[in-house]
Amino acid sequence: MTKKIGKIKFIDLFAGIGGFHFALEKLDMECVFASEKKEILANLYLDNFGIQPNRDITKINISDIPSHQILCAGFPCQPFSKAGSQKGLMDERNGSLFDKIVEILEYHKTPFFILENVRSYQLASK
């Protein structure tokens, strides 16, 4: 007799409009937690997927995040992009958000993760 595994579960951090959610749902995976700070995007996420995102990932107890096999995160690019501060992890506003991702991965022993961020770029000089 084979054991049924069930759907693969994922969490969607810095979810935006839900690009990761849309793709993984098409692969028959289940979102068990989402987080999005911007109100307009959180409302759109709720409308699109029926999940009310947590509004501030820095204030949630990591143990309250459900068990999952995949962590998806499109974390803010401003600390890393040439269009932003370029302070990276030292950025006072958003640099520590990457650390929160690491904390969640370590606590939940999440086996897989998908991170998305913009490539830093250099403006062409004339």
PDB file of N, CA and C in Angstrom:
ATOM      1  N   MET A   1       0.846  -1.180   0.000  1.00  0.00           N
ATOM      2  CA  MET A   1       0.000   0.000   0.000  1.00  0.00           C
ATOM      3  C   MET A   1       0.889   1.240   0.000  1.00  0.00           C
ATOM      4  N   THR A   2       0.585   2.200  -0.869  1.00  0.00           N
ATOM      5  CA  THR A   2       1.373   3.421  -0.935  1.00  0.00           C
ATOM      6  C   THR A   2       0.723   4.510  -0.100  1.00  0.00           C
ATOM      7  N   LYS A   3       1.573   5.320   0.485  1.00  0.00           N
ATOM      8  CA  LYS A   3       1.107   6.428   1.314  1.00  0.00           C
ATOM      9  C   LYS A   3       0.879   7.646   0.431  1.00  0.00           C
ATOM     10  N   LYS A   4      -0.301   8.266   0.555  1.00  0.00           N
ATOM     11  CA  LYS A   4      -0.597   9.468  -0.214  1.00  0.00           C
ATOM     12  C   LYS A   4       0.074  10.662   0.465  1.00  0.00           C
ATOM     13  N   ILE A   5       0.835  11.400  -0.306  1.00  0.00           N
ATOM     14  CA  ILE A   5       1.593  12.526   0.229  1.00  0.00           C
ATOM     15  C   ILE A   5       0.732  13.777   0.364  1.00  0.00           C
ATOM     16  N   GLY A   6      -0.162  14.023  -0.536  1.00  0.00           N
ATOM     17  CA  GLY A   6      -0.977  15.236  -0.519  1.00  0.00           C
ATOM     18  C   GLY A   6      -0.289  16.358  -1.289  1.00  0.00           C
ATOM     19  N   LYS A   7      -0.918  17.500  -1.297  1.00  0.00           N
ATOM     20  CA  LYS A   7      -0.392  18.639  -2.038  1.00  0.00           C
ATOM     21  C   LYS A   7       0.874  19.180  -1.384  1.00  0.00           C
ATOM     22  N   ILE A   8       1.761  19.642  -2.217  1.00  0.00           N
ATOM     23  CA  ILE A   8       2.937  20.351  -1.722  1.00  0.00           C
ATOM     24  C   ILE A   8       2.467  21.729  -1.257  1.00  0.00           C
ATOM     25  N   LYS A   9       2.920  22.123  -0.077  1.00  0.00           N
ATOM     26  CA  LYS A   9       2.502  23.398   0.513  1.00  0.00           C
ATOM     27  C   LYS A   9       3.616  24.428   0.378  1.00  0.00           C
ATOM     28  N   PHE A  10       3.205  25.677   0.094  1.00  0.00           N
ATOM     29  CA  PHE A  10       4.182  26.753  -0.022  1.00  0.00           C
ATOM     30  C   PHE A  10       3.706  27.988   0.718  1.00  0.00           C
ATOM     31  N   ILE A  11       4.656  28.852   1.050  1.00  0.00           N
ATOM     32  CA  ILE A  11       4.326  30.167   1.600  1.00  0.00           C
ATOM     33  C   ILE A  11       4.822  31.222   0.606  1.00  0.00           C
ATOM     34  N   ASP A  12       4.151  32.358   0.597  1.00  0.00           N
ATOM     35  CA  ASP A  12       4.376  33.402  -0.394  1.00  0.00           C
ATOM     36  C   ASP A  12       4.690  34.707   0.346  1.00  0.00           C
ATOM     37  N   LEU A  13       5.987  35.023   0.495  1.00  0.00           N
ATOM     38  CA  LEU A  13       6.395  36.213   1.230  1.00  0.00           C
ATOM     39  C   LEU A  13       6.673  37.369   0.279  1.00  0.00           C
ATOM     40  N   PHE A  14       6.352  38.585   0.728  1.00  0.00           N
ATOM     41  CA  PHE A  14       6.496  39.774  -0.121  1.00  0.00           C
ATOM     42  C   PHE A  14       5.758  39.470  -1.426  1.00  0.00           C
ATOM     43  N   ALA A  15       4.518  39.050  -1.268  1.00  0.00           N
ATOM     44  CA  ALA A  15       3.754  38.372  -2.315  1.00  0.00           C
ATOM     45  C   ALA A  15       3.367  39.240  -3.502  1.00  0.00           C
ATOM     46  N   GLY A  16       3.323  40.550  -3.319  1.00  0.00           N
ATOM     47  CA  GLY A  16       2.926  41.402  -4.436  1.00  0.00           C
ATOM     48  C   GLY A  16       1.555  41.000  -4.957  1.00  0.00           C
ATOM     49  N   ILE A  17       1.436  40.865  -6.263  1.00  0.00           N
ATOM     50  CA  ILE A  17       0.154  40.486  -6.856  1.00  0.00           C
ATOM     51  C   ILE A  17      -0.033  38.974  -6.940  1.00  0.00           C
ATOM     52  N   GLY A  18       0.995  38.213  -6.522  1.00  0.00           N
ATOM     53  CA  GLY A  18       0.826  36.770  -6.449  1.00  0.00           C
ATOM     54  C   GLY A  18       1.395  35.977  -7.602  1.00  0.00           C
ATOM     55  N   GLY A  19       2.468  36.428  -8.197  1.00  0.00           N
ATOM     56  CA  GLY A  19       3.083  35.703  -9.316  1.00  0.00           C
ATOM     57  C   GLY A  19       3.506  34.284  -8.954  1.00  0.00           C
ATOM     58  N   PHE A  20       4.159  34.141  -7.801  1.00  0.00           N
ATOM     59  CA  PHE A  20       4.548  32.795  -7.352  1.00  0.00           C
ATOM     60  C   PHE A  20       3.303  31.951  -7.103  1.00  0.00           C
ATOM     61  N   HIS A  21       2.310  32.546  -6.449  1.00  0.00           N
ATOM     62  CA  HIS A  21       1.084  31.819  -6.127  1.00  0.00           C
ATOM     63  C   HIS A  21       0.433  31.304  -7.405  1.00  0.00           C
ATOM     64  N   PHE A  22       0.296  32.171  -8.373  1.00  0.00           N
ATOM     65  CA  PHE A  22      -0.343  31.797  -9.629  1.00  0.00           C
ATOM     66  C   PHE A  22       0.368  30.601 -10.258  1.00  0.00           C
ATOM     67  N   ALA A  23       1.706  30.665 -10.332  1.00  0.00           N
ATOM     68  CA  ALA A  23       2.478  29.599 -10.973  1.00  0.00           C
ATOM     69  C   ALA A  23       2.381  28.281 -10.202  1.00  0.00           C
ATOM     70  N   LEU A  24       2.560  28.337  -8.884  1.00  0.00           N
ATOM     71  CA  LEU A  24       2.566  27.099  -8.101  1.00  0.00           C
ATOM     72  C   LEU A  24       1.168  26.485  -7.982  1.00  0.00           C
ATOM     73  N   GLU A  25       0.159  27.329  -7.963  1.00  0.00           N
ATOM     74  CA  GLU A  25      -1.215  26.806  -7.943  1.00  0.00           C
ATOM     75  C   GLU A  25      -1.506  26.043  -9.235  1.00  0.00           C
ATOM     76  N   LYS A  26      -0.975  26.527 -10.343  1.00  0.00           N
ATOM     77  CA  LYS A  26      -1.147  25.832 -11.627  1.00  0.00           C
ATOM     78  C   LYS A  26      -0.480  24.462 -11.604  1.00  0.00           C
ATOM     79  N   LEU A  27       0.511  24.290 -10.721  1.00  0.00           N
ATOM     80  CA  LEU A  27       1.194  23.000 -10.566  1.00  0.00           C
ATOM     81  C   LEU A  27       0.557  22.161  -9.457  1.00  0.00           C
ATOM     82  N   ASP A  28      -0.652  22.560  -9.031  1.00  0.00           N
ATOM     83  CA  ASP A  28      -1.448  21.855  -8.025  1.00  0.00           C
ATOM     84  C   ASP A  28      -0.809  21.884  -6.631  1.00  0.00           C
ATOM     85  N   MET A  29      -0.138  22.991  -6.319  1.00  0.00           N
ATOM     86  CA  MET A  29       0.409  23.176  -4.979  1.00  0.00           C
ATOM     87  C   MET A  29      -0.520  24.093  -4.194  1.00  0.00           C
ATOM     88  N   GLU A  30      -0.379  24.087  -2.875  1.00  0.00           N
ATOM     89  CA  GLU A  30      -1.298  24.824  -2.007  1.00  0.00           C
ATOM     90  C   GLU A  30      -0.569  25.886  -1.198  1.00  0.00           C
ATOM     91  N   CYS A  31      -1.050  27.120  -1.294  1.00  0.00           N
ATOM     92  CA  CYS A  31      -0.500  28.216  -0.493  1.00  0.00           C
ATOM     93  C   CYS A  31      -1.124  28.152   0.897  1.00  0.00           C
ATOM     94  N   VAL A  32      -0.266  28.122   1.928  1.00  0.00           N
ATOM     95  CA  VAL A  32      -0.763  28.032   3.308  1.00  0.00           C
ATOM     96  C   VAL A  32      -0.502  29.301   4.109  1.00  0.00           C
ATOM     97  N   PHE A  33       0.210  30.266   3.509  1.00  0.00           N
ATOM     98  CA  PHE A  33       0.491  31.521   4.192  1.00  0.00           C
ATOM     99  C   PHE A  33       1.022  32.515   3.173  1.00  0.00           C
ATOM    100  N   ALA A  34       0.601  33.770   3.303  1.00  0.00           N
ATOM    101  CA  ALA A  34       1.114  34.833   2.447  1.00  0.00           C
ATOM    102  C   ALA A  34       1.361  36.075   3.291  1.00  0.00           C
ATOM    103  N   SER A  35       2.285  36.888   2.841  1.00  0.00           N
ATOM    104  CA  SER A  35       2.588  38.142   3.516  1.00  0.00           C
ATOM    105  C   SER A  35       2.851  39.214   2.475  1.00  0.00           C
ATOM    106  N   GLU A  36       2.204  40.359   2.636  1.00  0.00           N
ATOM    107  CA  GLU A  36       2.397  41.499   1.735  1.00  0.00           C
ATOM    108  C   GLU A  36       2.090  42.778   2.502  1.00  0.00           C
ATOM    109  N   LYS A  37       3.051  43.669   2.582  1.00  0.00           N
ATOM    110  CA  LYS A  37       2.918  44.886   3.386  1.00  0.00           C
ATOM    111  C   LYS A  37       2.023  45.945   2.733  1.00  0.00           C
ATOM    112  N   LYS A  38       2.138  46.118   1.440  1.00  0.00           N
ATOM    113  CA  LYS A  38       1.381  47.177   0.757  1.00  0.00           C
ATOM    114  C   LYS A  38      -0.103  46.819   0.714  1.00  0.00           C
ATOM    115  N   GLU A  39      -0.909  47.717   1.240  1.00  0.00           N
ATOM    116  CA  GLU A  39      -2.353  47.457   1.377  1.00  0.00           C
ATOM    117  C   GLU A  39      -3.028  47.154   0.050  1.00  0.00           C
ATOM    118  N   ILE A  40      -2.748  47.927  -0.965  1.00  0.00           N
ATOM    119  CA  ILE A  40      -3.416  47.720  -2.247  1.00  0.00           C
ATOM    120  C   ILE A  40      -3.075  46.345  -2.827  1.00  0.00           C
ATOM    121  N   LEU A  41      -1.824  45.913  -2.654  1.00  0.00           N
ATOM    122  CA  LEU A  41      -1.419  44.596  -3.157  1.00  0.00           C
ATOM    123  C   LEU A  41      -1.999  43.478  -2.299  1.00  0.00           C
ATOM    124  N   ALA A  42      -2.062  43.688  -0.988  1.00  0.00           N
ATOM    125  CA  ALA A  42      -2.661  42.686  -0.099  1.00  0.00           C
ATOM    126  C   ALA A  42      -4.138  42.493  -0.438  1.00  0.00           C
ATOM    127  N   ASN A  43      -4.840  43.588  -0.722  1.00  0.00           N
ATOM    128  CA  ASN A  43      -6.260  43.496  -1.092  1.00  0.00           C
ATOM    129  C   ASN A  43      -6.433  42.775  -2.423  1.00  0.00           C
ATOM    130  N   LEU A  44      -5.554  43.049  -3.364  1.00  0.00           N
ATOM    131  CA  LEU A  44      -5.603  42.376  -4.661  1.00  0.00           C
ATOM    132  C   LEU A  44      -5.323  40.882  -4.503  1.00  0.00           C
ATOM    133  N   TYR A  45      -4.370  40.545  -3.647  1.00  0.00           N
ATOM    134  CA  TYR A  45      -4.041  39.143  -3.376  1.00  0.00           C
ATOM    135  C   TYR A  45      -5.263  38.429  -2.804  1.00  0.00           C
ATOM    136  N   LEU A  46      -5.926  39.072  -1.852  1.00  0.00           N
ATOM    137  CA  LEU A  46      -7.149  38.512  -1.263  1.00  0.00           C
ATOM    138  C   LEU A  46      -8.212  38.299  -2.341  1.00  0.00           C
ATOM    139  N   ASP A  47      -8.399  39.288  -3.197  1.00  0.00           N
ATOM    140  CA  ASP A  47      -9.382  39.165  -4.276  1.00  0.00           C
ATOM    141  C   ASP A  47      -9.034  38.024  -5.234  1.00  0.00           C
ATOM    142  N   ASN A  48      -7.750  37.905  -5.565  1.00  0.00           N
ATOM    143  CA  ASN A  48      -7.326  36.902  -6.549  1.00  0.00           C
ATOM    144  C   ASN A  48      -7.290  35.481  -6.009  1.00  0.00           C
ATOM    145  N   PHE A  49      -6.909  35.321  -4.726  1.00  0.00           N
ATOM    146  CA  PHE A  49      -6.641  33.978  -4.215  1.00  0.00           C
ATOM    147  C   PHE A  49      -7.443  33.590  -2.972  1.00  0.00           C
ATOM    148  N   GLY A  50      -8.201  34.529  -2.417  1.00  0.00           N
ATOM    149  CA  GLY A  50      -9.008  34.218  -1.238  1.00  0.00           C
ATOM    150  C   GLY A  50      -8.196  34.039   0.036  1.00  0.00           C
ATOM    151  N   ILE A  51      -6.963  34.544   0.043  1.00  0.00           N
ATOM    152  CA  ILE A  51      -6.103  34.467   1.224  1.00  0.00           C
ATOM    153  C   ILE A  51      -5.774  35.887   1.663  1.00  0.00           C
ATOM    154  N   GLN A  52      -6.049  36.182   2.927  1.00  0.00           N
ATOM    155  CA  GLN A  52      -5.696  37.491   3.475  1.00  0.00           C
ATOM    156  C   GLN A  52      -4.222  37.458   3.900  1.00  0.00           C
ATOM    157  N   PRO A  53      -3.362  38.191   3.211  1.00  0.00           N
ATOM    158  CA  PRO A  53      -1.950  38.171   3.587  1.00  0.00           C
ATOM    159  C   PRO A  53      -1.701  38.825   4.948  1.00  0.00           C
ATOM    160  N   ASN A  54      -0.728  38.266   5.655  1.00  0.00           N
ATOM    161  CA  ASN A  54      -0.180  38.924   6.832  1.00  0.00           C
ATOM    162  C   ASN A  54       0.390  40.249   6.341  1.00  0.00           C
ATOM    163  N   ARG A  55       0.274  41.283   7.124  1.00  0.00           N
ATOM    164  CA  ARG A  55       0.692  42.602   6.634  1.00  0.00           C
ATOM    165  C   ARG A  55       2.089  43.023   7.068  1.00  0.00           C
ATOM    166  N   ASP A  56       2.690  42.342   8.029  1.00  0.00           N
ATOM    167  CA  ASP A  56       4.040  42.727   8.444  1.00  0.00           C
ATOM    168  C   ASP A  56       4.811  41.498   8.909  1.00  0.00           C
ATOM    169  N   ILE A  57       5.614  40.956   8.033  1.00  0.00           N
ATOM    170  CA  ILE A  57       6.353  39.721   8.307  1.00  0.00           C
ATOM    171  C   ILE A  57       7.318  39.887   9.479  1.00  0.00           C
ATOM    172  N   THR A  58       7.724  41.116   9.773  1.00  0.00           N
ATOM    173  CA  THR A  58       8.664  41.329  10.879  1.00  0.00           C
ATOM    174  C   THR A  58       8.005  41.183  12.240  1.00  0.00           C
ATOM    175  N   LYS A  59       6.675  41.209  12.286  1.00  0.00           N
ATOM    176  CA  LYS A  59       5.968  41.153  13.568  1.00  0.00           C
ATOM    177  C   LYS A  59       5.296  39.815  13.848  1.00  0.00           C
ATOM    178  N   ILE A  60       5.438  38.862  12.960  1.00  0.00           N
ATOM    179  CA  ILE A  60       4.789  37.566  13.167  1.00  0.00           C
ATOM    180  C   ILE A  60       5.740  36.620  13.896  1.00  0.00           C
ATOM    181  N   ASN A  61       5.175  35.810  14.754  1.00  0.00           N
ATOM    182  CA  ASN A  61       5.947  34.761  15.401  1.00  0.00           C
ATOM    183  C   ASN A  61       6.158  33.663  14.357  1.00  0.00           C
ATOM    184  N   ILE A  62       7.390  33.307  14.114  1.00  0.00           N
ATOM    185  CA  ILE A  62       7.701  32.332  13.058  1.00  0.00           C
ATOM    186  C   ILE A  62       6.990  31.001  13.284  1.00  0.00           C
ATOM    187  N   SER A  63       6.751  30.656  14.533  1.00  0.00           N
ATOM    188  CA  SER A  63       6.059  29.394  14.814  1.00  0.00           C
ATOM    189  C   SER A  63       4.595  29.444  14.381  1.00  0.00           C
ATOM    190  N   ASP A  64       4.054  30.650  14.140  1.00  0.00           N
ATOM    191  CA  ASP A  64       2.671  30.783  13.663  1.00  0.00           C
ATOM    192  C   ASP A  64       2.555  30.584  12.151  1.00  0.00           C
ATOM    193  N   ILE A  65       3.669  30.518  11.459  1.00  0.00           N
ATOM    194  CA  ILE A  65       3.655  30.255  10.020  1.00  0.00           C
ATOM    195  C   ILE A  65       3.492  28.749   9.842  1.00  0.00           C
ATOM    196  N   PRO A  66       2.501  28.331   9.050  1.00  0.00           N
ATOM    197  CA  PRO A  66       2.262  26.890   8.876  1.00  0.00           C
ATOM    198  C   PRO A  66       3.444  26.158   8.247  1.00  0.00           C
ATOM    199  N   SER A  67       3.482  24.875   8.499  1.00  0.00           N
ATOM    200  CA  SER A  67       4.483  24.005   7.903  1.00  0.00           C
ATOM    201  C   SER A  67       4.357  24.061   6.383  1.00  0.00           C
ATOM    202  N   HIS A  68       5.489  24.005   5.687  1.00  0.00           N
ATOM    203  CA  HIS A  68       5.494  24.123   4.226  1.00  0.00           C
ATOM    204  C   HIS A  68       6.748  23.462   3.661  1.00  0.00           C
ATOM    205  N   GLN A  69       6.698  23.156   2.380  1.00  0.00           N
ATOM    206  CA  GLN A  69       7.842  22.553   1.705  1.00  0.00           C
ATOM    207  C   GLN A  69       8.601  23.554   0.833  1.00  0.00           C
ATOM    208  N   ILE A  70       7.936  24.642   0.441  1.00  0.00           N
ATOM    209  CA  ILE A  70       8.570  25.647  -0.421  1.00  0.00           C
ATOM    210  C   ILE A  70       8.309  27.035   0.155  1.00  0.00           C
ATOM    211  N   LEU A  71       9.359  27.824   0.265  1.00  0.00           N
ATOM    212  CA  LEU A  71       9.236  29.234   0.621  1.00  0.00           C
ATOM    213  C   LEU A  71       9.511  30.038  -0.640  1.00  0.00           C
ATOM    214  N   CYS A  72       8.573  30.913  -0.987  1.00  0.00           N
ATOM    215  CA  CYS A  72       8.749  31.822  -2.124  1.00  0.00           C
ATOM    216  C   CYS A  72       8.849  33.237  -1.571  1.00  0.00           C
ATOM    217  N   ALA A  73       9.772  34.027  -2.091  1.00  0.00           N
ATOM    218  CA  ALA A  73       9.915  35.400  -1.614  1.00  0.00           C
ATOM    219  C   ALA A  73      10.468  36.292  -2.711  1.00  0.00           C
ATOM    220  N   GLY A  74       9.750  37.341  -3.002  1.00  0.00           N
ATOM    221  CA  GLY A  74      10.217  38.400  -3.901  1.00  0.00           C
ATOM    222  C   GLY A  74      10.538  39.610  -3.042  1.00  0.00           C
ATOM    223  N   PHE A  75      11.574  39.492  -2.219  1.00  0.00           N
ATOM    224  CA  PHE A  75      11.848  40.511  -1.200  1.00  0.00           C
ATOM    225  C   PHE A  75      12.239  41.855  -1.833  1.00  0.00           C
ATOM    226  N   PRO A  76      12.017  42.948  -1.094  1.00  0.00           N
ATOM    227  CA  PRO A  76      12.237  44.292  -1.647  1.00  0.00           C
ATOM    228  C   PRO A  76      13.632  44.474  -2.246  1.00  0.00           C
ATOM    229  N   CYS A  77      13.658  45.118  -3.413  1.00  0.00           N
ATOM    230  CA  CYS A  77      14.910  45.255  -4.158  1.00  0.00           C
ATOM    231  C   CYS A  77      15.670  46.538  -3.844  1.00  0.00           C
ATOM    232  N   GLN A  78      15.038  47.502  -3.196  1.00  0.00           N
ATOM    233  CA  GLN A  78      15.675  48.796  -3.012  1.00  0.00           C
ATOM    234  C   GLN A  78      17.066  48.724  -2.375  1.00  0.00           C
ATOM    235  N   PRO A  79      17.305  47.862  -1.379  1.00  0.00           N
ATOM    236  CA  PRO A  79      18.645  47.824  -0.794  1.00  0.00           C
ATOM    237  C   PRO A  79      19.715  47.264  -1.735  1.00  0.00           C
ATOM    238  N   PHE A  80      19.311  46.560  -2.781  1.00  0.00           N
ATOM    239  CA  PHE A  80      20.261  45.848  -3.626  1.00  0.00           C
ATOM    240  C   PHE A  80      20.400  46.443  -5.024  1.00  0.00           C
ATOM    241  N   SER A  81      19.378  47.114  -5.492  1.00  0.00           N
ATOM    242  CA  SER A  81      19.351  47.634  -6.851  1.00  0.00           C
ATOM    243  C   SER A  81      20.149  48.928  -6.962  1.00  0.00           C
ATOM    244  N   LYS A  82      20.735  49.151  -8.110  1.00  0.00           N
ATOM    245  CA  LYS A  82      21.428  50.417  -8.363  1.00  0.00           C
ATOM    246  C   LYS A  82      20.434  51.577  -8.389  1.00  0.00           C
ATOM    247  N   ALA A  83      19.166  51.278  -8.567  1.00  0.00           N
ATOM    248  CA  ALA A  83      18.143  52.315  -8.522  1.00  0.00           C
ATOM    249  C   ALA A  83      17.782  52.664  -7.074  1.00  0.00           C
ATOM    250  N   GLY A  84      18.259  51.866  -6.131  1.00  0.00           N
ATOM    251  CA  GLY A  84      17.977  52.088  -4.714  1.00  0.00           C
ATOM    252  C   GLY A  84      19.213  52.521  -3.955  1.00  0.00           C
ATOM    253  N   SER A  85      19.240  52.198  -2.699  1.00  0.00           N
ATOM    254  CA  SER A  85      20.300  52.668  -1.795  1.00  0.00           C
ATOM    255  C   SER A  85      21.631  51.932  -1.962  1.00  0.00           C
ATOM    256  N   GLN A  86      21.594  50.704  -2.464  1.00  0.00           N
ATOM    257  CA  GLN A  86      22.762  49.847  -2.618  1.00  0.00           C
ATOM    258  C   GLN A  86      23.473  49.564  -1.294  1.00  0.00           C
ATOM    259  N   LYS A  87      22.742  49.638  -0.194  1.00  0.00           N
ATOM    260  CA  LYS A  87      23.327  49.321   1.115  1.00  0.00           C
ATOM    261  C   LYS A  87      23.177  47.840   1.445  1.00  0.00           C
ATOM    262  N   GLY A  88      22.489  47.111   0.591  1.00  0.00           N
ATOM    263  CA  GLY A  88      22.327  45.673   0.781  1.00  0.00           C
ATOM    264  C   GLY A  88      21.734  45.324   2.130  1.00  0.00           C
ATOM    265  N   LEU A  89      22.325  44.353   2.809  1.00  0.00           N
ATOM    266  CA  LEU A  89      21.816  43.892   4.094  1.00  0.00           C
ATOM    267  C   LEU A  89      21.951  44.955   5.179  1.00  0.00           C
ATOM    268  N   MET A  90      22.725  45.989   4.932  1.00  0.00           N
ATOM    269  CA  MET A  90      22.918  47.061   5.909  1.00  0.00           C
ATOM    270  C   MET A  90      21.835  48.146   5.794  1.00  0.00           C
ATOM    271  N   ASP A  91      20.954  48.049   4.807  1.00  0.00           N
ATOM    272  CA  ASP A  91      19.877  49.017   4.634  1.00  0.00           C
ATOM    273  C   ASP A  91      18.962  48.971   5.852  1.00  0.00           C
ATOM    274  N   GLU A  92      18.790  50.105   6.529  1.00  0.00           N
ATOM    275  CA  GLU A  92      18.023  50.139   7.776  1.00  0.00           C
ATOM    276  C   GLU A  92      16.553  49.776   7.581  1.00  0.00           C
ATOM    277  N   ARG A  93      15.981  50.119   6.459  1.00  0.00           N
ATOM    278  CA  ARG A  93      14.547  49.896   6.251  1.00  0.00           C
ATOM    279  C   ARG A  93      14.220  48.471   5.814  1.00  0.00           C
ATOM    280  N   ASN A  94      14.940  47.961   4.824  1.00  0.00           N
ATOM    281  CA  ASN A  94      14.575  46.670   4.234  1.00  0.00           C
ATOM    282  C   ASN A  94      15.695  45.638   4.212  1.00  0.00           C
ATOM    283  N   GLY A  95      16.890  45.998   4.625  1.00  0.00           N
ATOM    284  CA  GLY A  95      18.017  45.075   4.553  1.00  0.00           C
ATOM    285  C   GLY A  95      17.849  43.837   5.407  1.00  0.00           C
ATOM    286  N   SER A  96      17.159  43.957   6.533  1.00  0.00           N
ATOM    287  CA  SER A  96      17.007  42.818   7.443  1.00  0.00           C
ATOM    288  C   SER A  96      15.906  41.850   7.012  1.00  0.00           C
ATOM    289  N   LEU A  97      15.159  42.195   5.993  1.00  0.00           N
ATOM    290  CA  LEU A  97      14.090  41.300   5.546  1.00  0.00           C
ATOM    291  C   LEU A  97      14.651  39.988   5.015  1.00  0.00           C
ATOM    292  N   PHE A  98      15.821  40.032   4.437  1.00  0.00           N
ATOM    293  CA  PHE A  98      16.463  38.800   3.993  1.00  0.00           C
ATOM    294  C   PHE A  98      16.748  37.901   5.196  1.00  0.00           C
ATOM    295  N   ASP A  99      17.158  38.507   6.317  1.00  0.00           N
ATOM    296  CA  ASP A  99      17.415  37.742   7.542  1.00  0.00           C
ATOM    297  C   ASP A  99      16.153  37.030   8.017  1.00  0.00           C
ATOM    298  N   LYS A 100      15.001  37.673   7.854  1.00  0.00           N
ATOM    299  CA  LYS A 100      13.725  37.054   8.247  1.00  0.00           C
ATOM    300  C   LYS A 100      13.464  35.806   7.408  1.00  0.00           C
ATOM    301  N   ILE A 101      13.781  35.877   6.121  1.00  0.00           N
ATOM    302  CA  ILE A 101      13.636  34.707   5.251  1.00  0.00           C
ATOM    303  C   ILE A 101      14.493  33.563   5.779  1.00  0.00           C
ATOM    304  N   VAL A 102      15.734  33.863   6.118  1.00  0.00           N
ATOM    305  CA  VAL A 102      16.652  32.848   6.626  1.00  0.00           C
ATOM    306  C   VAL A 102      16.120  32.257   7.934  1.00  0.00           C
ATOM    307  N   GLU A 103      15.599  33.103   8.826  1.00  0.00           N
ATOM    308  CA  GLU A 103      15.036  32.619  10.095  1.00  0.00           C
ATOM    309  C   GLU A 103      13.903  31.630   9.844  1.00  0.00           C
ATOM    310  N   ILE A 104      13.026  31.959   8.908  1.00  0.00           N
ATOM    311  CA  ILE A 104      11.886  31.083   8.592  1.00  0.00           C
ATOM    312  C   ILE A 104      12.389  29.765   8.008  1.00  0.00           C
ATOM    313  N   LEU A 105      13.337  29.838   7.077  1.00  0.00           N
ATOM    314  CA  LEU A 105      13.898  28.620   6.473  1.00  0.00           C
ATOM    315  C   LEU A 105      14.513  27.720   7.543  1.00  0.00           C
ATOM    316  N   GLU A 106      15.268  28.306   8.461  1.00  0.00           N
ATOM    317  CA  GLU A 106      15.928  27.522   9.499  1.00  0.00           C
ATOM    318  C   GLU A 106      14.931  26.943  10.498  1.00  0.00           C
ATOM    319  N   TYR A 107      13.969  27.745  10.930  1.00  0.00           N
ATOM    320  CA  TYR A 107      12.995  27.275  11.917  1.00  0.00           C
ATOM    321  C   TYR A 107      12.164  26.127  11.363  1.00  0.00           C
ATOM    322  N   HIS A 108      11.667  26.297  10.142  1.00  0.00           N
ATOM    323  CA  HIS A 108      10.776  25.289   9.543  1.00  0.00           C
ATOM    324  C   HIS A 108      11.533  24.191   8.807  1.00  0.00           C
ATOM    325  N   LYS A 109      12.848  24.355   8.694  1.00  0.00           N
ATOM    326  CA  LYS A 109      13.653  23.391   7.940  1.00  0.00           C
ATOM    327  C   LYS A 109      13.057  23.184   6.542  1.00  0.00           C
ATOM    328  N   THR A 110      12.694  24.302   5.939  1.00  0.00           N
ATOM    329  CA  THR A 110      12.071  24.295   4.613  1.00  0.00           C
ATOM    330  C   THR A 110      13.050  23.716   3.589  1.00  0.00           C
ATOM    331  N   PRO A 111      12.663  22.635   2.909  1.00  0.00           N
ATOM    332  CA  PRO A 111      13.616  21.988   2.001  1.00  0.00           C
ATOM    333  C   PRO A 111      13.881  22.747   0.705  1.00  0.00           C
ATOM    334  N   PHE A 112      12.927  23.581   0.261  1.00  0.00           N
ATOM    335  CA  PHE A 112      13.086  24.277  -1.014  1.00  0.00           C
ATOM    336  C   PHE A 112      12.691  25.740  -0.858  1.00  0.00           C
ATOM    337  N   PHE A 113      13.375  26.597  -1.597  1.00  0.00           N
ATOM    338  CA  PHE A 113      12.984  28.004  -1.608  1.00  0.00           C
ATOM    339  C   PHE A 113      13.243  28.598  -2.981  1.00  0.00           C
ATOM    340  N   ILE A 114      12.443  29.608  -3.299  1.00  0.00           N
ATOM    341  CA  ILE A 114      12.581  30.353  -4.551  1.00  0.00           C
ATOM    342  C   ILE A 114      12.634  31.824  -4.161  1.00  0.00           C
ATOM    343  N   LEU A 115      13.754  32.484  -4.452  1.00  0.00           N
ATOM    344  CA  LEU A 115      13.900  33.902  -4.159  1.00  0.00           C
ATOM    345  C   LEU A 115      13.991  34.664  -5.462  1.00  0.00           C
ATOM    346  N   GLU A 116      13.359  35.813  -5.491  1.00  0.00           N
ATOM    347  CA  GLU A 116      13.380  36.648  -6.690  1.00  0.00           C
ATOM    348  C   GLU A 116      13.752  38.058  -6.269  1.00  0.00           C
ATOM    349  N   ASN A 117      14.642  38.656  -7.047  1.00  0.00           N
ATOM    350  CA  ASN A 117      15.007  40.045  -6.831  1.00  0.00           C
ATOM    351  C   ASN A 117      15.534  40.576  -8.152  1.00  0.00           C
ATOM    352  N   VAL A 118      15.553  41.887  -8.284  1.00  0.00           N
ATOM    353  CA  VAL A 118      16.050  42.472  -9.517  1.00  0.00           C
ATOM    354  C   VAL A 118      17.566  42.380  -9.563  1.00  0.00           C
ATOM    355  N   ARG A 119      18.062  42.320 -10.738  1.00  0.00           N
ATOM    356  CA  ARG A 119      19.506  42.362 -10.939  1.00  0.00           C
ATOM    357  C   ARG A 119      19.943  43.811 -10.775  1.00  0.00           C
ATOM    358  N   SER A 120      21.037  44.036 -10.130  1.00  0.00           N
ATOM    359  CA  SER A 120      21.519  45.420 -10.075  1.00  0.00           C
ATOM    360  C   SER A 120      21.944  45.786 -11.473  1.00  0.00           C
ATOM    361  N   TYR A 121      21.784  47.017 -11.812  1.00  0.00           N
ATOM    362  CA  TYR A 121      22.112  47.432 -13.171  1.00  0.00           C
ATOM    363  C   TYR A 121      22.890  48.740 -13.138  1.00  0.00           C
ATOM    364  N   GLN A 122      23.553  49.028 -14.218  1.00  0.00           N
ATOM    365  CA  GLN A 122      24.312  50.254 -14.310  1.00  0.00           C
ATOM    366  C   GLN A 122      23.727  51.068 -15.467  1.00  0.00           C
ATOM    367  N   LEU A 123      23.436  52.323 -15.173  1.00  0.00           N
ATOM    368  CA  LEU A 123      22.935  53.200 -16.225  1.00  0.00           C
ATOM    369  C   LEU A 123      24.069  53.501 -17.196  1.00  0.00           C
ATOM    370  N   ALA A 124      23.728  53.452 -18.462  1.00  0.00           N
ATOM    371  CA  ALA A 124      24.745  53.757 -19.468  1.00  0.00           C
ATOM    372  C   ALA A 124      25.097  55.235 -19.393  1.00  0.00           C
ATOM    373  N   SER A 125      26.371  55.536 -19.460  1.00  0.00           N
ATOM    374  CA  SER A 125      26.793  56.950 -19.460  1.00  0.00           C
ATOM    375  C   SER A 125      27.015  57.388 -20.894  1.00  0.00           C
ATOM    376  N   LYS A 126      26.786  58.656 -21.108  1.00  0.00           N
ATOM    377  CA  LYS A 126      26.955  59.193 -22.468  1.00  0.00           C
ATOM    378  C   LYS A 126      28.275  59.893 -22.602  1.00  0.00           C
TER     379      LYS A 126
END
